[in-house]
């Protein structure tokens, strides 16, 4: 998507690029201004931040057994990611 943004005297052309996978899941949003590309949002970064926050909260409030029980109740893909991070930070 390309649009123009006016800031006082200047008009800047901004290009937004939405990157999807084959399953039509949004992976990343990039913004290009004056040839410079900035990542506005990235699924992997956001997912990692959320996983780390969840692990931190679980560790503060629950025993190892309770955390493992919770993680194994999640969908497989998410459970694998949480378990990996949980083991890395244990």
Protein backbone atom coordinates (compact mmCIF):
# COMPACT_ATOMS: atom_id res chain seq x y z
CA UNK A 1 0.00 0.00 0.00
CA UNK A 2 1.44 3.39 -0.97
CA UNK A 3 0.17 6.72 0.31
CA UNK A 4 1.36 10.28 0.77
CA UNK A 5 1.76 11.86 4.17
CA UNK A 6 1.85 15.64 4.51
CA UNK A 7 3.90 17.22 7.28
CA UNK A 8 3.57 20.96 6.93
CA UNK A 9 5.42 22.00 3.76
CA UNK A 10 6.56 18.52 2.81
CA UNK A 11 4.78 15.55 1.33
CA UNK A 12 6.36 12.17 1.84
CA UNK A 13 5.54 8.97 -0.02
CA UNK A 14 5.16 6.06 2.37
CA UNK A 15 4.98 2.43 1.29
CA UNK A 16 3.63 -0.21 3.65
CA UNK A 17 4.43 -3.83 2.93
CA UNK A 18 2.40 -6.60 4.55
CA UNK A 19 4.16 -9.99 4.51
CA UNK A 20 2.02 -13.14 4.78
CA UNK A 21 2.81 -16.84 4.82
CA UNK A 22 1.10 -19.49 2.66
CA UNK A 23 -1.68 -19.83 5.26
CA UNK A 24 -2.42 -16.09 4.91
CA UNK A 25 -1.11 -15.35 8.41
CA UNK A 26 0.42 -11.90 8.77
CA UNK A 27 4.15 -12.23 9.55
CA UNK A 28 5.50 -8.70 9.33
CA UNK A 29 4.59 -5.10 8.52
CA UNK A 30 7.28 -2.91 6.99
CA UNK A 31 7.27 0.81 6.23
CA UNK A 32 9.48 2.36 3.55
CA UNK A 33 10.16 6.10 3.58
CA UNK A 34 12.92 7.66 1.44
CA UNK A 35 14.31 4.21 0.63
CA UNK A 36 14.71 3.25 4.29
CA UNK A 37 12.77 0.21 5.47
CA UNK A 38 11.57 0.03 9.08
CA UNK A 39 9.87 -3.00 10.57
CA UNK A 40 6.70 -1.78 12.29
CA UNK A 41 5.58 -5.19 13.55
CA UNK A 42 7.04 -8.70 13.42
CA UNK A 43 5.13 -11.81 14.51
CA UNK A 44 8.25 -13.66 15.71
CA UNK A 45 9.45 -10.75 17.86
CA UNK A 46 6.02 -10.15 19.34
CA UNK A 47 5.50 -13.86 19.96
CA UNK A 48 8.88 -14.16 21.70
CA UNK A 49 8.16 -11.17 23.93
CA UNK A 50 4.77 -12.59 24.92
CA UNK A 51 6.20 -16.05 25.58
CA UNK A 52 8.93 -14.59 27.79
CA UNK A 53 6.35 -12.57 29.71
CA UNK A 54 4.11 -15.61 30.18
CA UNK A 55 7.04 -17.73 31.40
CA UNK A 56 8.06 -15.02 33.85
CA UNK A 57 4.52 -14.76 35.26
CA UNK A 58 4.16 -18.53 35.52
CA UNK A 59 7.48 -18.88 37.37
CA UNK A 60 6.43 -16.25 39.89
CA UNK A 61 3.11 -17.83 40.73
CA UNK A 62 3.24 -21.58 40.13
CA UNK A 63 5.31 -24.65 40.85
CA UNK A 64 7.26 -26.40 38.09
CA UNK A 65 4.67 -29.18 38.00
CA UNK A 66 1.78 -26.69 37.59
CA UNK A 67 3.63 -24.82 34.84
CA UNK A 68 4.31 -28.05 32.94
CA UNK A 69 0.67 -29.08 33.29
CA UNK A 70 -0.49 -25.72 31.92
CA UNK A 71 1.96 -25.78 29.00
CA UNK A 72 0.97 -29.31 27.96
CA UNK A 73 -2.70 -28.23 27.83
CA UNK A 74 -1.93 -25.74 25.03
CA UNK A 75 -1.97 -26.45 21.27
CA UNK A 76 1.20 -28.35 20.24
CA UNK A 77 2.95 -25.55 18.35
CA UNK A 78 2.50 -23.05 21.20
CA UNK A 79 3.31 -25.65 23.86
CA UNK A 80 6.62 -26.47 22.14
CA UNK A 81 7.64 -22.80 22.06
CA UNK A 82 6.68 -22.21 25.68
CA UNK A 83 8.40 -25.38 26.87
CA UNK A 84 11.58 -24.48 25.02
CA UNK A 85 11.68 -21.02 26.58
CA UNK A 86 10.74 -22.39 29.98
CA UNK A 87 13.63 -24.85 29.90
CA UNK A 88 16.05 -22.16 28.67
CA UNK A 89 15.15 -19.83 31.54
CA UNK A 90 14.85 -22.48 34.27
